[in-house]
């Protein structure tokens, strides 16, 4: 899990990023938006010598108007539910939220997205390995009219 952002036409950005542990307690990421964050590992599965292992990432917007980032430097975007062979490559499917405001108005977007990881291998049933909910909140505020 790693926060990423793209800013456009923002004069005074105020940004925060955090995550919650299994107990629901808010946790801080190491780093910041300027110099980057240290990723937080959310799951690991050791499948030993099982052959033909593959994994997939499936996402679905549950609430709000959501979209996805498809390019983040150093990561390979994976298609919705597409199975791929795990490797040292950093793979991603990145839920996102956007908001645009103009002429002294404000627009908020609170997006909840499910993220589900599946694993499969020859001779084994496909299983859901991990599932969690991602929440992105964005509030755009315009301070003038052009």
Protein backbone atom coordinates (compact mmCIF):
# COMPACT_ATOMS: atom_id res chain seq x y z
CA UNK A 1 0.00 0.00 0.00
CA UNK A 2 1.52 3.29 -1.13
CA UNK A 3 0.00 6.79 -1.42
CA UNK A 4 0.55 8.58 -4.72
CA UNK A 5 -0.90 11.82 -6.05
CA UNK A 6 -1.07 14.14 -9.01
CA UNK A 7 -1.63 17.85 -8.44
CA UNK A 8 -2.81 20.31 -11.08
CA UNK A 9 -3.56 24.03 -10.67
CA UNK A 10 -3.39 23.97 -6.88
CA UNK A 11 -1.96 27.07 -5.19
CA UNK A 12 -2.01 25.93 -1.56
CA UNK A 13 -2.15 22.16 -1.33
CA UNK A 14 -3.01 20.56 1.97
CA UNK A 15 -2.66 16.79 1.82
CA UNK A 16 -2.66 13.96 4.31
CA UNK A 17 -2.24 10.20 3.96
CA UNK A 18 -2.79 7.53 6.61
CA UNK A 19 -3.90 3.93 6.99
CA UNK A 20 -5.71 1.90 9.64
CA UNK A 21 -4.50 -1.31 11.23
CA UNK A 22 -6.70 -4.36 11.95
CA UNK A 23 -7.84 -2.74 15.22
CA UNK A 24 -9.06 0.33 13.30
CA UNK A 25 -6.37 2.63 14.71
CA UNK A 26 -5.11 5.37 12.38
CA UNK A 27 -1.44 4.93 11.42
CA UNK A 28 0.99 7.31 9.71
CA UNK A 29 3.05 6.50 6.63
CA UNK A 30 6.79 7.13 6.74
CA UNK A 31 7.64 9.95 4.35
CA UNK A 32 5.58 12.68 2.69
CA UNK A 33 4.09 13.79 -0.65
CA UNK A 34 7.20 15.80 -1.56
CA UNK A 35 9.88 13.14 -1.08
CA UNK A 36 7.68 10.04 -1.35
CA UNK A 37 6.32 7.47 1.08
CA UNK A 38 7.60 4.12 2.27
CA UNK A 39 5.14 1.38 1.21
CA UNK A 40 3.29 -0.58 3.92
CA UNK A 41 3.07 -4.35 3.44
CA UNK A 42 -0.51 -5.52 3.85
CA UNK A 43 -0.09 -9.22 3.10
CA UNK A 44 2.43 -11.88 2.17
CA UNK A 45 1.89 -15.46 1.05
CA UNK A 46 4.63 -18.10 0.82
CA UNK A 47 3.50 -20.81 -1.59
CA UNK A 48 6.75 -22.79 -1.46
CA UNK A 49 7.34 -24.98 -4.50
CA UNK A 50 3.77 -24.96 -5.89
CA UNK A 51 4.04 -24.71 -9.68
CA UNK A 52 2.30 -22.28 -12.04
CA UNK A 53 1.37 -19.78 -9.33
CA UNK A 54 -0.61 -16.76 -10.44
CA UNK A 55 -2.26 -13.84 -8.67
CA UNK A 56 -4.82 -11.17 -9.58
CA UNK A 57 -6.11 -7.88 -8.19
CA UNK A 58 -9.81 -7.06 -8.53
CA UNK A 59 -11.29 -3.69 -7.55
CA UNK A 60 -14.81 -2.28 -7.42
CA UNK A 61 -16.09 1.17 -6.46
CA UNK A 62 -18.55 0.72 -3.59
CA UNK A 63 -19.45 4.37 -2.94
CA UNK A 64 -18.65 7.72 -4.51
CA UNK A 65 -17.29 8.47 -7.97
CA UNK A 66 -14.05 6.54 -8.33
CA UNK A 67 -11.42 6.12 -10.96
CA UNK A 68 -7.95 4.54 -11.20
CA UNK A 69 -4.38 5.66 -11.71
CA UNK A 70 -2.77 3.57 -14.44
CA UNK A 71 0.74 5.03 -14.34
CA UNK A 72 2.90 5.34 -11.24
CA UNK A 73 6.66 5.37 -11.73
CA UNK A 74 8.29 2.05 -10.80
CA UNK A 75 5.02 0.05 -10.79
CA UNK A 76 3.27 -2.12 -13.39
CA UNK A 77 -0.47 -1.52 -13.69
CA UNK A 78 -2.51 -4.75 -13.75
CA UNK A 79 -5.86 -5.06 -15.48
CA UNK A 80 -9.06 -5.76 -13.56
CA UNK A 81 -8.91 -9.42 -12.43
CA UNK A 82 -6.12 -10.32 -14.87
CA UNK A 83 -3.98 -13.18 -13.53
CA UNK A 84 -0.21 -12.66 -13.67
CA UNK A 85 2.86 -14.51 -12.43
CA UNK A 86 4.26 -13.03 -9.20
CA UNK A 87 7.83 -11.77 -9.40
CA UNK A 88 10.03 -9.05 -7.96
CA UNK A 89 8.17 -6.54 -10.18
CA UNK A 90 6.07 -4.08 -8.21
CA UNK A 91 2.50 -4.53 -9.46
CA UNK A 92 -0.43 -2.22 -8.82
CA UNK A 93 -4.10 -1.50 -9.31
CA UNK A 94 -4.55 1.99 -7.90
CA UNK A 95 -8.00 3.29 -6.84
CA UNK A 96 -8.19 7.09 -6.99
CA UNK A 97 -10.53 10.03 -6.36
CA UNK A 98 -10.72 13.37 -8.17
CA UNK A 99 -12.55 16.65 -7.54
CA UNK A 100 -12.62 19.89 -9.53
CA UNK A 101 -14.04 23.19 -8.25
CA UNK A 102 -14.36 26.62 -9.89
CA UNK A 103 -15.45 30.16 -9.05
CA UNK A 104 -15.48 30.13 -5.22
CA UNK A 105 -17.21 26.76 -5.01
CA UNK A 106 -16.09 23.54 -3.34
CA UNK A 107 -16.54 19.94 -4.47
CA UNK A 108 -15.89 16.87 -2.29
CA UNK A 109 -15.55 13.26 -3.37
CA UNK A 110 -15.43 10.44 -0.80
CA UNK A 111 -14.68 7.15 -2.58
CA UNK A 112 -14.73 3.65 -1.07
CA UNK A 113 -13.24 0.89 -3.23
CA UNK A 114 -12.92 -2.83 -2.50
CA UNK A 115 -9.56 -4.40 -3.37
CA UNK A 116 -9.35 -8.19 -3.57
CA UNK A 117 -6.30 -10.38 -4.16
CA UNK A 118 -6.74 -13.90 -5.58
CA UNK A 119 -4.22 -16.71 -5.94
CA UNK A 120 -4.31 -19.83 -8.11
CA UNK A 121 -2.00 -22.66 -9.10
CA UNK A 122 -2.20 -25.82 -11.18
CA UNK A 123 -4.13 -28.49 -9.28
CA UNK A 124 -5.50 -26.06 -6.66
CA UNK A 125 -8.75 -24.11 -6.37
CA UNK A 126 -8.55 -20.33 -6.90
CA UNK A 127 -8.84 -18.62 -3.51
CA UNK A 128 -9.38 -15.10 -2.23
CA UNK A 129 -6.15 -14.35 -0.39
CA UNK A 130 -6.91 -10.90 1.02
CA UNK A 131 -9.69 -8.32 0.71
CA UNK A 132 -9.83 -4.80 2.07
CA UNK A 133 -11.59 -1.46 1.59
CA UNK A 134 -9.72 1.59 0.32
CA UNK A 135 -11.07 5.07 1.21
CA UNK A 136 -9.98 8.18 -0.65
CA UNK A 137 -11.40 11.59 0.26
CA UNK A 138 -10.69 14.70 -1.78
CA UNK A 139 -12.09 18.22 -1.37
CA UNK A 140 -11.41 20.86 -4.03
CA UNK A 141 -11.95 24.52 -3.04
CA UNK A 142 -11.78 27.38 -5.54
CA UNK A 143 -10.51 30.74 -4.27
CA UNK A 144 -11.26 32.83 -7.41
CA UNK A 145 -13.10 33.08 -10.75
CA UNK A 146 -11.10 33.31 -13.97
